[in-house]
Amino acid sequence: MLEAQVQVMCLWWAAGDRLRATHSRAAERDRGEVTATTALIFILVVAAIAAAGVIASKITNNASRVPDP
């Protein structure tokens, strides 16, 4: 019984070591691409909001120039 418990503990430790190694390799591959993508999306959203504001102001100006019946 003790031998089986020792084998289970060794497998558990090996699995933990493998998981930590995989996690550290994944952390090394991270080159900030998520941050760059987030910054690009933010810039595009700001540009879209600015364009919507320009379009809304043009519509408002054209609507105010229409004479009342």
PDB file of N, CA and C in Angstrom:
ATOM      1  N   MET A   1       0.823  -1.196   0.000  1.00  0.00           N
ATOM      2  CA  MET A   1       0.000   0.000   0.000  1.00  0.00           C
ATOM      3  C   MET A   1       0.867   1.260   0.000  1.00  0.00           C
ATOM      4  N   LEU A   2       1.926   1.247   0.778  1.00  0.00           N
ATOM      5  CA  LEU A   2       2.806   2.407   0.854  1.00  0.00           C
ATOM      6  C   LEU A   2       3.473   2.669  -0.489  1.00  0.00           C
ATOM      7  N   GLU A   3       3.819   1.620  -1.197  1.00  0.00           N
ATOM      8  CA  GLU A   3       4.455   1.787  -2.497  1.00  0.00           C
ATOM      9  C   GLU A   3       3.510   2.469  -3.493  1.00  0.00           C
ATOM     10  N   ALA A   4       2.238   2.127  -3.460  1.00  0.00           N
ATOM     11  CA  ALA A   4       1.253   2.749  -4.352  1.00  0.00           C
ATOM     12  C   ALA A   4       1.093   4.226  -4.013  1.00  0.00           C
ATOM     13  N   GLN A   5       1.073   4.550  -2.725  1.00  0.00           N
ATOM     14  CA  GLN A   5       0.944   5.944  -2.320  1.00  0.00           C
ATOM     15  C   GLN A   5       2.159   6.760  -2.771  1.00  0.00           C
ATOM     16  N   VAL A   6       3.348   6.180  -2.657  1.00  0.00           N
ATOM     17  CA  VAL A   6       4.564   6.868  -3.091  1.00  0.00           C
ATOM     18  C   VAL A   6       4.533   7.085  -4.592  1.00  0.00           C
ATOM     19  N   GLN A   7       4.067   6.099  -5.343  1.00  0.00           N
ATOM     20  CA  GLN A   7       3.977   6.252  -6.794  1.00  0.00           C
ATOM     21  C   GLN A   7       2.979   7.342  -7.178  1.00  0.00           C
ATOM     22  N   VAL A   8       1.852   7.377  -6.475  1.00  0.00           N
ATOM     23  CA  VAL A   8       0.852   8.416  -6.752  1.00  0.00           C
ATOM     24  C   VAL A   8       1.438   9.794  -6.457  1.00  0.00           C
ATOM     25  N   MET A   9       2.144   9.926  -5.348  1.00  0.00           N
ATOM     26  CA  MET A   9       2.749  11.224  -5.012  1.00  0.00           C
ATOM     27  C   MET A   9       3.802  11.621  -6.044  1.00  0.00           C
ATOM     28  N   CYS A  10       4.590  10.676  -6.511  1.00  0.00           N
ATOM     29  CA  CYS A  10       5.598  10.973  -7.535  1.00  0.00           C
ATOM     30  C   CYS A  10       4.937  11.423  -8.833  1.00  0.00           C
ATOM     31  N   LEU A  11       3.847  10.754  -9.216  1.00  0.00           N
ATOM     32  CA  LEU A  11       3.110  11.177 -10.424  1.00  0.00           C
ATOM     33  C   LEU A  11       2.514  12.568 -10.242  1.00  0.00           C
ATOM     34  N   TRP A  12       2.000  12.842  -9.047  1.00  0.00           N
ATOM     35  CA  TRP A  12       1.416  14.162  -8.763  1.00  0.00           C
ATOM     36  C   TRP A  12       2.482  15.255  -8.882  1.00  0.00           C
ATOM     37  N   TRP A  13       3.659  14.995  -8.309  1.00  0.00           N
ATOM     38  CA  TRP A  13       4.751  15.977  -8.383  1.00  0.00           C
ATOM     39  C   TRP A  13       5.235  16.152  -9.820  1.00  0.00           C
ATOM     40  N   ALA A  14       5.316  15.064 -10.566  1.00  0.00           N
ATOM     41  CA  ALA A  14       5.752  15.160 -11.966  1.00  0.00           C
ATOM     42  C   ALA A  14       4.753  15.970 -12.785  1.00  0.00           C
ATOM     43  N   ALA A  15       3.458  15.750 -12.525  1.00  0.00           N
ATOM     44  CA  ALA A  15       2.436  16.512 -13.244  1.00  0.00           C
ATOM     45  C   ALA A  15       2.533  17.998 -12.895  1.00  0.00           C
ATOM     46  N   GLY A  16       2.772  18.293 -11.624  1.00  0.00           N
ATOM     47  CA  GLY A  16       2.931  19.696 -11.219  1.00  0.00           C
ATOM     48  C   GLY A  16       4.146  20.332 -11.870  1.00  0.00           C
ATOM     49  N   ASP A  17       5.245  19.590 -11.931  1.00  0.00           N
ATOM     50  CA  ASP A  17       6.450  20.106 -12.586  1.00  0.00           C
ATOM     51  C   ASP A  17       6.196  20.376 -14.064  1.00  0.00           C
ATOM     52  N   ARG A  18       5.493  19.458 -14.714  1.00  0.00           N
ATOM     53  CA  ARG A  18       5.189  19.635 -16.130  1.00  0.00           C
ATOM     54  C   ARG A  18       4.283  20.844 -16.353  1.00  0.00           C
ATOM     55  N   LEU A  19       3.315  21.026 -15.471  1.00  0.00           N
ATOM     56  CA  LEU A  19       2.408  22.169 -15.583  1.00  0.00           C
ATOM     57  C   LEU A  19       3.159  23.481 -15.395  1.00  0.00           C
ATOM     58  N   ARG A  20       4.052  23.543 -14.411  1.00  0.00           N
ATOM     59  CA  ARG A  20       4.835  24.762 -14.193  1.00  0.00           C
ATOM     60  C   ARG A  20       5.758  25.048 -15.371  1.00  0.00           C
ATOM     61  N   ALA A  21       6.333  24.005 -15.955  1.00  0.00           N
ATOM     62  CA  ALA A  21       7.215  24.195 -17.106  1.00  0.00           C
ATOM     63  C   ALA A  21       6.438  24.713 -18.305  1.00  0.00           C
ATOM     64  N   THR A  22       5.243  24.181 -18.521  1.00  0.00           N
ATOM     65  CA  THR A  22       4.401  24.646 -19.622  1.00  0.00           C
ATOM     66  C   THR A  22       3.999  26.097 -19.406  1.00  0.00           C
ATOM     67  N   HIS A  23       3.656  26.433 -18.172  1.00  0.00           N
ATOM     68  CA  HIS A  23       3.253  27.808 -17.865  1.00  0.00           C
ATOM     69  C   HIS A  23       4.417  28.777 -18.071  1.00  0.00           C
ATOM     70  N   SER A  24       5.613  28.395 -17.672  1.00  0.00           N
ATOM     71  CA  SER A  24       6.762  29.298 -17.836  1.00  0.00           C
ATOM     72  C   SER A  24       7.121  29.451 -19.313  1.00  0.00           C
ATOM     73  N   ARG A  25       6.975  28.388 -20.119  1.00  0.00           N
ATOM     74  CA  ARG A  25       7.229  28.515 -21.557  1.00  0.00           C
ATOM     75  C   ARG A  25       6.203  29.426 -22.213  1.00  0.00           C
ATOM     76  N   ALA A  26       4.957  29.344 -21.778  1.00  0.00           N
ATOM     77  CA  ALA A  26       3.920  30.208 -22.333  1.00  0.00           C
ATOM     78  C   ALA A  26       4.190  31.668 -21.962  1.00  0.00           C
ATOM     79  N   ALA A  27       4.690  31.903 -20.754  1.00  0.00           N
ATOM     80  CA  ALA A  27       4.996  33.263 -20.325  1.00  0.00           C
ATOM     81  C   ALA A  27       6.163  33.838 -21.117  1.00  0.00           C
ATOM     82  N   GLU A  28       7.108  32.992 -21.509  1.00  0.00           N
ATOM     83  CA  GLU A  28       8.249  33.473 -22.292  1.00  0.00           C
ATOM     84  C   GLU A  28       7.826  33.856 -23.704  1.00  0.00           C
ATOM     85  N   ARG A  29       6.810  33.182 -24.239  1.00  0.00           N
ATOM     86  CA  ARG A  29       6.359  33.475 -25.604  1.00  0.00           C
ATOM     87  C   ARG A  29       5.553  34.760 -25.691  1.00  0.00           C
ATOM     88  N   ASP A  30       5.035  35.260 -24.568  1.00  0.00           N
ATOM     89  CA  ASP A  30       4.225  36.470 -24.584  1.00  0.00           C
ATOM     90  C   ASP A  30       5.115  37.655 -24.923  1.00  0.00           C
ATOM     91  N   ARG A  31       4.828  38.291 -26.033  1.00  0.00           N
ATOM     92  CA  ARG A  31       5.673  39.403 -26.491  1.00  0.00           C
ATOM     93  C   ARG A  31       4.927  40.730 -26.486  1.00  0.00           C
ATOM     94  N   GLY A  32       3.843  40.816 -25.738  1.00  0.00           N
ATOM     95  CA  GLY A  32       3.101  42.056 -25.666  1.00  0.00           C
ATOM     96  C   GLY A  32       2.140  42.259 -26.807  1.00  0.00           C
ATOM     97  N   GLU A  33       1.839  41.215 -27.545  1.00  0.00           N
ATOM     98  CA  GLU A  33       0.948  41.354 -28.686  1.00  0.00           C
ATOM     99  C   GLU A  33      -0.467  41.709 -28.251  1.00  0.00           C
ATOM    100  N   VAL A  34      -0.889  41.215 -27.103  1.00  0.00           N
ATOM    101  CA  VAL A  34      -2.224  41.536 -26.613  1.00  0.00           C
ATOM    102  C   VAL A  34      -2.300  43.025 -26.317  1.00  0.00           C
ATOM    103  N   THR A  35      -1.263  43.578 -25.724  1.00  0.00           N
ATOM    104  CA  THR A  35      -1.244  44.997 -25.420  1.00  0.00           C
ATOM    105  C   THR A  35      -1.259  45.828 -26.700  1.00  0.00           C
ATOM    106  N   ALA A  36      -0.501  45.427 -27.703  1.00  0.00           N
ATOM    107  CA  ALA A  36      -0.488  46.151 -28.969  1.00  0.00           C
ATOM    108  C   ALA A  36      -1.844  46.061 -29.645  1.00  0.00           C
ATOM    109  N   THR A  37      -2.460  44.913 -29.599  1.00  0.00           N
ATOM    110  CA  THR A  37      -3.783  44.755 -30.191  1.00  0.00           C
ATOM    111  C   THR A  37      -4.799  45.617 -29.458  1.00  0.00           C
ATOM    112  N   THR A  38      -4.711  45.644 -28.145  1.00  0.00           N
ATOM    113  CA  THR A  38      -5.626  46.471 -27.362  1.00  0.00           C
ATOM    114  C   THR A  38      -5.444  47.945 -27.687  1.00  0.00           C
ATOM    115  N   ALA A  39      -4.218  48.390 -27.839  1.00  0.00           N
ATOM    116  CA  ALA A  39      -3.955  49.783 -28.178  1.00  0.00           C
ATOM    117  C   ALA A  39      -4.508  50.115 -29.560  1.00  0.00           C
ATOM    118  N   LEU A  40      -4.345  49.216 -30.510  1.00  0.00           N
ATOM    119  CA  LEU A  40      -4.874  49.449 -31.854  1.00  0.00           C
ATOM    120  C   LEU A  40      -6.395  49.523 -31.834  1.00  0.00           C
ATOM    121  N   ILE A  41      -7.032  48.632 -31.100  1.00  0.00           N
ATOM    122  CA  ILE A  41      -8.499  48.669 -30.994  1.00  0.00           C
ATOM    123  C   ILE A  41      -8.954  49.968 -30.348  1.00  0.00           C
ATOM    124  N   PHE A  42      -8.242  50.416 -29.318  1.00  0.00           N
ATOM    125  CA  PHE A  42      -8.593  51.677 -28.662  1.00  0.00           C
ATOM    126  C   PHE A  42      -8.501  52.843 -29.649  1.00  0.00           C
ATOM    127  N   ILE A  43      -7.446  52.883 -30.435  1.00  0.00           N
ATOM    128  CA  ILE A  43      -7.280  53.958 -31.425  1.00  0.00           C
ATOM    129  C   ILE A  43      -8.411  53.927 -32.449  1.00  0.00           C
ATOM    130  N   LEU A  44      -8.772  52.733 -32.906  1.00  0.00           N
ATOM    131  CA  LEU A  44      -9.858  52.618 -33.881  1.00  0.00           C
ATOM    132  C   LEU A  44     -11.199  53.032 -33.286  1.00  0.00           C
ATOM    133  N   VAL A  45     -11.439  52.693 -32.029  1.00  0.00           N
ATOM    134  CA  VAL A  45     -12.685  53.098 -31.378  1.00  0.00           C
ATOM    135  C   VAL A  45     -12.746  54.609 -31.235  1.00  0.00           C
ATOM    136  N   VAL A  46     -11.653  55.236 -30.853  1.00  0.00           N
ATOM    137  CA  VAL A  46     -11.622  56.697 -30.731  1.00  0.00           C
ATOM    138  C   VAL A  46     -11.862  57.345 -32.087  1.00  0.00           C
ATOM    139  N   ALA A  47     -11.267  56.802 -33.143  1.00  0.00           N
ATOM    140  CA  ALA A  47     -11.479  57.349 -34.488  1.00  0.00           C
ATOM    141  C   ALA A  47     -12.934  57.182 -34.912  1.00  0.00           C
ATOM    142  N   ALA A  48     -13.547  56.060 -34.584  1.00  0.00           N
ATOM    143  CA  ALA A  48     -14.949  55.839 -34.938  1.00  0.00           C
ATOM    144  C   ALA A  48     -15.865  56.797 -34.186  1.00  0.00           C
ATOM    145  N   ILE A  49     -15.563  57.044 -32.921  1.00  0.00           N
ATOM    146  CA  ILE A  49     -16.367  57.994 -32.140  1.00  0.00           C
ATOM    147  C   ILE A  49     -16.219  59.401 -32.702  1.00  0.00           C
ATOM    148  N   ALA A  50     -15.007  59.774 -33.083  1.00  0.00           N
ATOM    149  CA  ALA A  50     -14.784  61.101 -33.669  1.00  0.00           C
ATOM    150  C   ALA A  50     -15.531  61.229 -34.998  1.00  0.00           C
ATOM    151  N   ALA A  51     -15.484  60.195 -35.821  1.00  0.00           N
ATOM    152  CA  ALA A  51     -16.198  60.237 -37.099  1.00  0.00           C
ATOM    153  C   ALA A  51     -17.698  60.330 -36.872  1.00  0.00           C
ATOM    154  N   ALA A  52     -18.219  59.599 -35.892  1.00  0.00           N
ATOM    155  CA  ALA A  52     -19.649  59.673 -35.588  1.00  0.00           C
ATOM    156  C   ALA A  52     -20.021  61.071 -35.104  1.00  0.00           C
ATOM    157  N   GLY A  53     -19.147  61.697 -34.344  1.00  0.00           N
ATOM    158  CA  GLY A  53     -19.414  63.065 -33.894  1.00  0.00           C
ATOM    159  C   GLY A  53     -19.447  64.050 -35.048  1.00  0.00           C
ATOM    160  N   VAL A  54     -18.528  63.924 -35.999  1.00  0.00           N
ATOM    161  CA  VAL A  54     -18.512  64.806 -37.174  1.00  0.00           C
ATOM    162  C   VAL A  54     -19.782  64.608 -38.000  1.00  0.00           C
ATOM    163  N   ILE A  55     -20.156  63.362 -38.212  1.00  0.00           N
ATOM    164  CA  ILE A  55     -21.363  63.075 -38.992  1.00  0.00           C
ATOM    165  C   ILE A  55     -22.597  63.612 -38.279  1.00  0.00           C
ATOM    166  N   ALA A  56     -22.677  63.430 -36.982  1.00  0.00           N
ATOM    167  CA  ALA A  56     -23.825  63.938 -36.228  1.00  0.00           C
ATOM    168  C   ALA A  56     -23.896  65.454 -36.292  1.00  0.00           C
ATOM    169  N   SER A  57     -22.766  66.142 -36.211  1.00  0.00           N
ATOM    170  CA  SER A  57     -22.792  67.607 -36.282  1.00  0.00           C
ATOM    171  C   SER A  57     -23.208  68.086 -37.672  1.00  0.00           C
ATOM    172  N   LYS A  58     -22.780  67.382 -38.720  1.00  0.00           N
ATOM    173  CA  LYS A  58     -23.193  67.767 -40.074  1.00  0.00           C
ATOM    174  C   LYS A  58     -24.694  67.562 -40.254  1.00  0.00           C
ATOM    175  N   ILE A  59     -25.215  66.461 -39.722  1.00  0.00           N
ATOM    176  CA  ILE A  59     -26.661  66.231 -39.823  1.00  0.00           C
ATOM    177  C   ILE A  59     -27.420  67.298 -39.051  1.00  0.00           C
ATOM    178  N   THR A  60     -26.941  67.654 -37.874  1.00  0.00           N
ATOM    179  CA  THR A  60     -27.595  68.686 -37.067  1.00  0.00           C
ATOM    180  C   THR A  60     -27.565  70.030 -37.783  1.00  0.00           C
ATOM    181  N   ASN A  61     -26.429  70.387 -38.387  1.00  0.00           N
ATOM    182  CA  ASN A  61     -26.322  71.662 -39.100  1.00  0.00           C
ATOM    183  C   ASN A  61     -27.258  71.678 -40.315  1.00  0.00           C
ATOM    184  N   ASN A  62     -27.328  70.580 -41.061  1.00  0.00           N
ATOM    185  CA  ASN A  62     -28.222  70.524 -42.214  1.00  0.00           C
ATOM    186  C   ASN A  62     -29.676  70.576 -41.773  1.00  0.00           C
ATOM    187  N   ALA A  63     -30.004  69.953 -40.672  1.00  0.00           N
ATOM    188  CA  ALA A  63     -31.381  69.962 -40.187  1.00  0.00           C
ATOM    189  C   ALA A  63     -31.785  71.352 -39.703  1.00  0.00           C
ATOM    190  N   SER A  64     -30.859  72.087 -39.137  1.00  0.00           N
ATOM    191  CA  SER A  64     -31.187  73.428 -38.662  1.00  0.00           C
ATOM    192  C   SER A  64     -31.339  74.415 -39.821  1.00  0.00           C
ATOM    193  N   ARG A  65     -30.776  74.104 -40.968  1.00  0.00           N
ATOM    194  CA  ARG A  65     -30.895  75.012 -42.126  1.00  0.00           C
ATOM    195  C   ARG A  65     -32.191  74.802 -42.913  1.00  0.00           C
ATOM    196  N   VAL A  66     -32.914  73.731 -42.628  1.00  0.00           N
ATOM    197  CA  VAL A  66     -34.170  73.481 -43.330  1.00  0.00           C
ATOM    198  C   VAL A  66     -35.202  74.483 -42.847  1.00  0.00           C
ATOM    199  N   PRO A  67     -35.861  75.181 -43.760  1.00  0.00           N
ATOM    200  CA  PRO A  67     -36.840  76.185 -43.334  1.00  0.00           C
ATOM    201  C   PRO A  67     -38.111  75.523 -42.760  1.00  0.00           C
ATOM    202  N   ASP A  68     -38.732  76.219 -41.833  1.00  0.00           N
ATOM    203  CA  ASP A  68     -39.969  75.723 -41.266  1.00  0.00           C
ATOM    204  C   ASP A  68     -41.097  75.907 -42.296  1.00  0.00           C
ATOM    205  N   PRO A  69     -42.048  74.978 -42.343  1.00  0.00           N
ATOM    206  CA  PRO A  69     -43.145  75.102 -43.318  1.00  0.00           C
ATOM    207  C   PRO A  69     -44.121  76.185 -42.962  1.00  0.00           C
TER     208      PRO A  69
END
